[in-house]
């Protein structure tokens, strides 16, 4: 596991261990939402060039089921966030932003073929 992937998964595990349901959903949403959006975008751009496992991956993430799950999770976070106190709302936002940063770094890590420096 590359350093960024290790750090990202440890972030999500820490939130799962200590956070509320809304905090957990917020830490997981960027990954789910990103994959869903990427699957839809790839399908729109070049569906005729897709095949095999790659096509299966894209079809899975652009499916109505995946889109529906992302929509449900966003709605649940919104609802729970409205019910939460100021401190929990702040944590929800912080976890979402941190996971969003890690999601960006995850894709960059894969592109750069990141490895441990030592």
N, C-alpha and C. Protein backbone atom coordinates (compact mmCIF):
# COMPACT_ATOMS: atom_id res chain seq x y z
N UNK A 1 0.84 -1.17 0.00
CA UNK A 1 0.00 0.00 0.00
C UNK A 1 0.90 1.24 0.00
N UNK A 2 0.63 2.13 -0.93
CA UNK A 2 1.42 3.35 -1.04
C UNK A 2 1.14 4.29 0.13
N UNK A 3 2.05 5.22 0.42
CA UNK A 3 1.88 6.10 1.57
C UNK A 3 0.56 6.88 1.59
N UNK A 4 0.17 7.43 0.47
CA UNK A 4 -1.07 8.21 0.44
C UNK A 4 -2.27 7.32 0.71
N UNK A 5 -2.29 6.15 0.11
CA UNK A 5 -3.39 5.21 0.34
C UNK A 5 -3.44 4.79 1.81
N UNK A 6 -2.29 4.55 2.38
CA UNK A 6 -2.21 4.18 3.79
C UNK A 6 -2.79 5.30 4.66
N UNK A 7 -2.37 6.52 4.40
CA UNK A 7 -2.85 7.66 5.20
C UNK A 7 -4.35 7.86 5.02
N UNK A 8 -4.83 7.72 3.80
CA UNK A 8 -6.26 7.91 3.51
C UNK A 8 -7.10 6.88 4.26
N UNK A 9 -6.72 5.63 4.18
CA UNK A 9 -7.50 4.59 4.87
C UNK A 9 -7.42 4.77 6.38
N UNK A 10 -6.29 5.21 6.90
CA UNK A 10 -6.18 5.44 8.35
C UNK A 10 -7.05 6.61 8.79
N UNK A 11 -7.17 7.62 7.94
CA UNK A 11 -8.08 8.74 8.22
C UNK A 11 -9.51 8.21 8.35
N UNK A 12 -9.95 7.41 7.37
CA UNK A 12 -11.32 6.89 7.41
C UNK A 12 -11.54 5.96 8.61
N UNK A 13 -10.54 5.15 8.94
CA UNK A 13 -10.66 4.28 10.11
C UNK A 13 -10.75 5.07 11.41
N UNK A 14 -9.98 6.14 11.50
CA UNK A 14 -10.02 6.97 12.71
C UNK A 14 -11.40 7.62 12.87
N UNK A 15 -11.97 8.10 11.76
CA UNK A 15 -13.30 8.69 11.83
C UNK A 15 -14.32 7.61 12.19
N UNK A 16 -14.18 6.43 11.62
CA UNK A 16 -15.11 5.33 11.93
C UNK A 16 -15.05 4.97 13.40
N UNK A 17 -13.89 5.03 13.97
CA UNK A 17 -13.71 4.67 15.38
C UNK A 17 -14.28 5.72 16.33
N UNK A 18 -14.07 7.00 16.00
CA UNK A 18 -14.42 8.06 16.93
C UNK A 18 -15.62 8.91 16.52
N UNK A 19 -15.97 8.90 15.25
CA UNK A 19 -16.96 9.85 14.75
C UNK A 19 -18.40 9.36 14.84
N UNK A 20 -19.30 10.30 14.60
CA UNK A 20 -20.73 10.01 14.54
C UNK A 20 -21.06 9.36 13.19
N UNK A 21 -22.31 8.97 13.03
CA UNK A 21 -22.75 8.40 11.75
C UNK A 21 -22.54 9.44 10.64
N UNK A 22 -22.93 10.67 10.88
CA UNK A 22 -22.77 11.72 9.86
C UNK A 22 -21.29 11.95 9.53
N UNK A 23 -20.44 11.92 10.53
CA UNK A 23 -19.01 12.10 10.29
C UNK A 23 -18.46 10.96 9.44
N UNK A 24 -18.90 9.74 9.74
CA UNK A 24 -18.47 8.58 8.95
C UNK A 24 -18.92 8.70 7.50
N UNK A 25 -20.18 9.04 7.30
CA UNK A 25 -20.68 9.22 5.94
C UNK A 25 -19.91 10.30 5.20
N UNK A 26 -19.60 11.38 5.89
CA UNK A 26 -18.85 12.49 5.27
C UNK A 26 -17.44 12.06 4.88
N UNK A 27 -16.83 11.18 5.67
CA UNK A 27 -15.47 10.74 5.33
C UNK A 27 -15.47 9.75 4.16
N UNK A 28 -16.58 9.06 3.95
CA UNK A 28 -16.68 8.07 2.87
C UNK A 28 -17.22 8.65 1.56
N UNK A 29 -18.01 9.70 1.66
CA UNK A 29 -18.70 10.24 0.48
C UNK A 29 -17.78 10.68 -0.65
N UNK A 30 -16.67 11.36 -0.41
CA UNK A 30 -15.85 11.80 -1.55
C UNK A 30 -15.41 10.65 -2.47
N UNK A 31 -15.08 9.52 -1.90
CA UNK A 31 -14.67 8.38 -2.73
C UNK A 31 -15.83 7.89 -3.59
N UNK A 32 -16.96 7.66 -2.96
CA UNK A 32 -18.14 7.16 -3.67
C UNK A 32 -18.58 8.15 -4.75
N UNK A 33 -18.65 9.40 -4.40
CA UNK A 33 -19.13 10.43 -5.31
C UNK A 33 -18.16 10.61 -6.47
N UNK A 34 -16.87 10.61 -6.18
CA UNK A 34 -15.85 10.77 -7.22
C UNK A 34 -15.91 9.63 -8.23
N UNK A 35 -15.98 8.40 -7.74
CA UNK A 35 -16.03 7.25 -8.65
C UNK A 35 -17.28 7.31 -9.51
N UNK A 36 -18.40 7.68 -8.93
CA UNK A 36 -19.64 7.79 -9.68
C UNK A 36 -19.50 8.83 -10.78
N UNK A 37 -18.96 10.01 -10.45
CA UNK A 37 -18.80 11.07 -11.44
C UNK A 37 -17.79 10.69 -12.53
N UNK A 38 -16.71 10.03 -12.15
CA UNK A 38 -15.70 9.60 -13.13
C UNK A 38 -16.29 8.56 -14.07
N UNK A 39 -17.03 7.61 -13.52
CA UNK A 39 -17.68 6.59 -14.36
C UNK A 39 -18.61 7.22 -15.38
N UNK A 40 -19.42 8.18 -14.94
CA UNK A 40 -20.34 8.86 -15.86
C UNK A 40 -19.58 9.65 -16.92
N UNK A 41 -18.54 10.35 -16.51
CA UNK A 41 -17.76 11.17 -17.45
C UNK A 41 -17.06 10.31 -18.50
N UNK A 42 -16.44 9.21 -18.07
CA UNK A 42 -15.76 8.33 -19.03
C UNK A 42 -16.75 7.73 -20.02
N UNK A 43 -17.92 7.38 -19.55
CA UNK A 43 -18.94 6.82 -20.43
C UNK A 43 -19.39 7.85 -21.47
N UNK A 44 -19.56 9.09 -21.04
CA UNK A 44 -19.99 10.15 -21.94
C UNK A 44 -18.94 10.45 -23.01
N UNK A 45 -17.67 10.35 -22.65
CA UNK A 45 -16.61 10.77 -23.57
C UNK A 45 -16.27 9.73 -24.63
N UNK A 46 -16.11 8.47 -24.23
CA UNK A 46 -15.62 7.47 -25.18
C UNK A 46 -16.19 6.07 -24.91
N UNK A 47 -17.50 5.89 -24.90
CA UNK A 47 -18.02 4.56 -24.59
C UNK A 47 -17.59 3.49 -25.59
N UNK A 48 -17.35 3.86 -26.83
CA UNK A 48 -16.98 2.88 -27.86
C UNK A 48 -15.57 2.31 -27.67
N UNK A 49 -14.74 2.99 -26.89
CA UNK A 49 -13.36 2.52 -26.68
C UNK A 49 -13.22 1.66 -25.42
N UNK A 50 -14.30 1.49 -24.69
CA UNK A 50 -14.24 0.78 -23.42
C UNK A 50 -14.54 -0.70 -23.61
N UNK A 51 -13.82 -1.54 -22.87
CA UNK A 51 -14.08 -2.97 -22.96
C UNK A 51 -13.60 -3.68 -21.69
N UNK A 52 -13.99 -4.94 -21.56
CA UNK A 52 -13.51 -5.80 -20.48
C UNK A 52 -13.80 -5.29 -19.09
N UNK A 53 -12.83 -5.53 -18.21
CA UNK A 53 -12.97 -5.15 -16.81
C UNK A 53 -13.14 -3.63 -16.65
N UNK A 54 -12.50 -2.87 -17.50
CA UNK A 54 -12.61 -1.42 -17.43
C UNK A 54 -14.05 -0.99 -17.68
N UNK A 55 -14.67 -1.60 -18.69
CA UNK A 55 -16.07 -1.30 -19.00
C UNK A 55 -16.97 -1.71 -17.84
N UNK A 56 -16.70 -2.88 -17.27
CA UNK A 56 -17.50 -3.33 -16.11
C UNK A 56 -17.38 -2.35 -14.95
N UNK A 57 -16.18 -1.86 -14.70
CA UNK A 57 -15.95 -0.90 -13.61
C UNK A 57 -16.75 0.37 -13.87
N UNK A 58 -16.66 0.89 -15.08
CA UNK A 58 -17.36 2.13 -15.42
C UNK A 58 -18.87 1.94 -15.35
N UNK A 59 -19.37 0.83 -15.88
CA UNK A 59 -20.81 0.58 -15.82
C UNK A 59 -21.29 0.47 -14.38
N UNK A 60 -20.49 -0.13 -13.53
CA UNK A 60 -20.86 -0.25 -12.12
C UNK A 60 -20.97 1.10 -11.44
N UNK A 61 -20.00 1.96 -11.69
CA UNK A 61 -19.98 3.26 -11.03
C UNK A 61 -20.88 4.30 -11.67
N UNK A 62 -21.31 4.08 -12.92
CA UNK A 62 -22.25 5.03 -13.53
C UNK A 62 -23.68 4.54 -13.42
N UNK A 63 -23.85 3.41 -12.77
CA UNK A 63 -25.19 2.82 -12.65
C UNK A 63 -26.11 3.68 -11.79
N UNK A 64 -27.40 3.48 -12.00
CA UNK A 64 -28.39 4.17 -11.19
C UNK A 64 -28.26 3.81 -9.72
N UNK A 65 -27.85 2.57 -9.46
CA UNK A 65 -27.67 2.12 -8.07
C UNK A 65 -26.57 2.93 -7.38
N UNK A 66 -25.45 3.10 -8.03
CA UNK A 66 -24.33 3.86 -7.45
C UNK A 66 -24.72 5.33 -7.31
N UNK A 67 -25.33 5.88 -8.34
CA UNK A 67 -25.77 7.28 -8.29
C UNK A 67 -26.79 7.45 -7.16
N UNK A 68 -27.72 6.52 -7.04
CA UNK A 68 -28.73 6.59 -5.99
C UNK A 68 -28.12 6.53 -4.61
N UNK A 69 -27.11 5.69 -4.44
CA UNK A 69 -26.45 5.59 -3.14
C UNK A 69 -25.74 6.90 -2.78
N UNK A 70 -25.07 7.49 -3.76
CA UNK A 70 -24.40 8.77 -3.51
C UNK A 70 -25.42 9.85 -3.16
N UNK A 71 -26.54 9.89 -3.86
CA UNK A 71 -27.59 10.87 -3.58
C UNK A 71 -28.16 10.65 -2.18
N UNK A 72 -28.43 9.39 -1.82
CA UNK A 72 -28.96 9.08 -0.48
C UNK A 72 -27.98 9.49 0.61
N UNK A 73 -26.71 9.20 0.40
CA UNK A 73 -25.71 9.56 1.41
C UNK A 73 -25.58 11.08 1.57
N UNK A 74 -25.61 11.79 0.46
CA UNK A 74 -25.55 13.25 0.54
C UNK A 74 -26.77 13.79 1.29
N UNK A 75 -27.94 13.25 0.99
CA UNK A 75 -29.17 13.70 1.66
C UNK A 75 -29.12 13.37 3.15
N UNK A 76 -28.58 12.19 3.49
CA UNK A 76 -28.50 11.81 4.90
C UNK A 76 -27.52 12.71 5.65
N UNK A 77 -26.40 13.02 5.03
CA UNK A 77 -25.43 13.92 5.66
C UNK A 77 -26.07 15.30 5.85
N UNK A 78 -26.77 15.78 4.85
CA UNK A 78 -27.44 17.08 4.96
C UNK A 78 -28.44 17.07 6.12
N UNK A 79 -29.24 16.02 6.21
CA UNK A 79 -30.25 15.94 7.27
C UNK A 79 -29.59 15.85 8.64
N UNK A 80 -28.61 14.95 8.77
CA UNK A 80 -27.93 14.80 10.06
C UNK A 80 -27.15 16.05 10.43
N UNK A 81 -26.60 16.72 9.42
CA UNK A 81 -25.86 17.95 9.68
C UNK A 81 -26.75 19.05 10.22
N UNK A 82 -27.97 19.12 9.72
CA UNK A 82 -28.92 20.13 10.23
C UNK A 82 -29.29 19.85 11.68
N UNK A 83 -29.32 18.58 12.05
CA UNK A 83 -29.68 18.20 13.42
C UNK A 83 -28.50 18.29 14.38
N UNK A 84 -27.30 18.34 13.85
CA UNK A 84 -26.08 18.31 14.67
C UNK A 84 -25.80 19.67 15.30
N UNK A 85 -25.04 19.62 16.36
CA UNK A 85 -24.57 20.86 16.98
C UNK A 85 -23.42 21.45 16.18
N UNK A 86 -22.98 22.62 16.58
CA UNK A 86 -21.93 23.33 15.85
C UNK A 86 -20.64 22.51 15.76
N UNK A 87 -20.25 21.88 16.86
CA UNK A 87 -19.00 21.11 16.88
C UNK A 87 -19.06 19.91 15.93
N UNK A 88 -20.17 19.20 15.95
CA UNK A 88 -20.29 18.04 15.06
C UNK A 88 -20.36 18.49 13.60
N UNK A 89 -21.08 19.58 13.32
CA UNK A 89 -21.14 20.09 11.94
C UNK A 89 -19.75 20.45 11.44
N UNK A 90 -18.97 21.06 12.31
CA UNK A 90 -17.61 21.41 11.94
C UNK A 90 -16.79 20.15 11.63
N UNK A 91 -16.98 19.10 12.43
CA UNK A 91 -16.27 17.83 12.19
C UNK A 91 -16.72 17.19 10.89
N UNK A 92 -18.00 17.26 10.59
CA UNK A 92 -18.53 16.70 9.34
C UNK A 92 -17.85 17.37 8.15
N UNK A 93 -17.80 18.68 8.17
CA UNK A 93 -17.16 19.43 7.08
C UNK A 93 -15.68 19.10 7.00
N UNK A 94 -15.02 19.07 8.14
CA UNK A 94 -13.59 18.77 8.17
C UNK A 94 -13.29 17.38 7.59
N UNK A 95 -14.06 16.39 7.97
CA UNK A 95 -13.83 15.03 7.47
C UNK A 95 -14.10 14.95 5.97
N UNK A 96 -15.14 15.64 5.51
CA UNK A 96 -15.43 15.63 4.07
C UNK A 96 -14.30 16.29 3.29
N UNK A 97 -13.83 17.43 3.77
CA UNK A 97 -12.75 18.14 3.08
C UNK A 97 -11.46 17.31 3.10
N UNK A 98 -11.14 16.73 4.25
CA UNK A 98 -9.92 15.91 4.34
C UNK A 98 -10.00 14.72 3.39
N UNK A 99 -11.14 14.03 3.37
CA UNK A 99 -11.29 12.89 2.46
C UNK A 99 -11.25 13.34 1.00
N UNK A 100 -11.80 14.51 0.71
CA UNK A 100 -11.74 15.04 -0.66
C UNK A 100 -10.29 15.29 -1.08
N UNK A 101 -9.51 15.83 -0.16
CA UNK A 101 -8.08 16.03 -0.46
C UNK A 101 -7.38 14.70 -0.67
N UNK A 102 -7.66 13.75 0.20
CA UNK A 102 -7.05 12.43 0.03
C UNK A 102 -7.50 11.76 -1.27
N UNK A 103 -8.74 11.97 -1.65
CA UNK A 103 -9.22 11.39 -2.91
C UNK A 103 -8.43 11.94 -4.09
N UNK A 104 -8.21 13.25 -4.10
CA UNK A 104 -7.37 13.85 -5.14
C UNK A 104 -5.97 13.24 -5.09
N UNK A 105 -5.41 13.17 -3.88
CA UNK A 105 -4.06 12.64 -3.72
C UNK A 105 -3.97 11.17 -4.11
N UNK A 106 -5.06 10.42 -3.89
CA UNK A 106 -5.10 9.01 -4.26
C UNK A 106 -4.92 8.85 -5.77
N UNK A 107 -5.67 9.63 -6.55
CA UNK A 107 -5.55 9.55 -8.01
C UNK A 107 -4.17 10.02 -8.47
N UNK A 108 -3.66 11.07 -7.86
CA UNK A 108 -2.33 11.57 -8.19
C UNK A 108 -1.26 10.54 -7.84
N UNK A 109 -1.42 9.87 -6.70
CA UNK A 109 -0.49 8.82 -6.26
C UNK A 109 -0.42 7.70 -7.30
N UNK A 110 -1.60 7.30 -7.80
CA UNK A 110 -1.63 6.23 -8.79
C UNK A 110 -0.95 6.67 -10.09
N UNK A 111 -1.19 7.91 -10.49
CA UNK A 111 -0.59 8.44 -11.70
C UNK A 111 0.94 8.49 -11.59
N UNK A 112 1.41 8.90 -10.41
CA UNK A 112 2.85 9.03 -10.19
C UNK A 112 3.51 7.71 -9.78
N UNK A 113 2.73 6.65 -9.60
CA UNK A 113 3.24 5.36 -9.14
C UNK A 113 4.00 5.52 -7.81
N UNK A 114 3.36 6.21 -6.88
CA UNK A 114 3.96 6.52 -5.58
C UNK A 114 4.41 5.26 -4.84
N UNK A 115 5.59 5.35 -4.26
CA UNK A 115 6.12 4.28 -3.42
C UNK A 115 6.68 4.90 -2.15
N UNK A 116 6.91 4.09 -1.16
CA UNK A 116 7.52 4.57 0.08
C UNK A 116 8.96 4.99 -0.22
N UNK A 117 9.40 6.15 0.27
CA UNK A 117 10.75 6.62 -0.03
C UNK A 117 11.84 5.81 0.68
N UNK A 118 11.49 5.14 1.72
CA UNK A 118 12.48 4.29 2.44
C UNK A 118 11.88 2.95 2.76
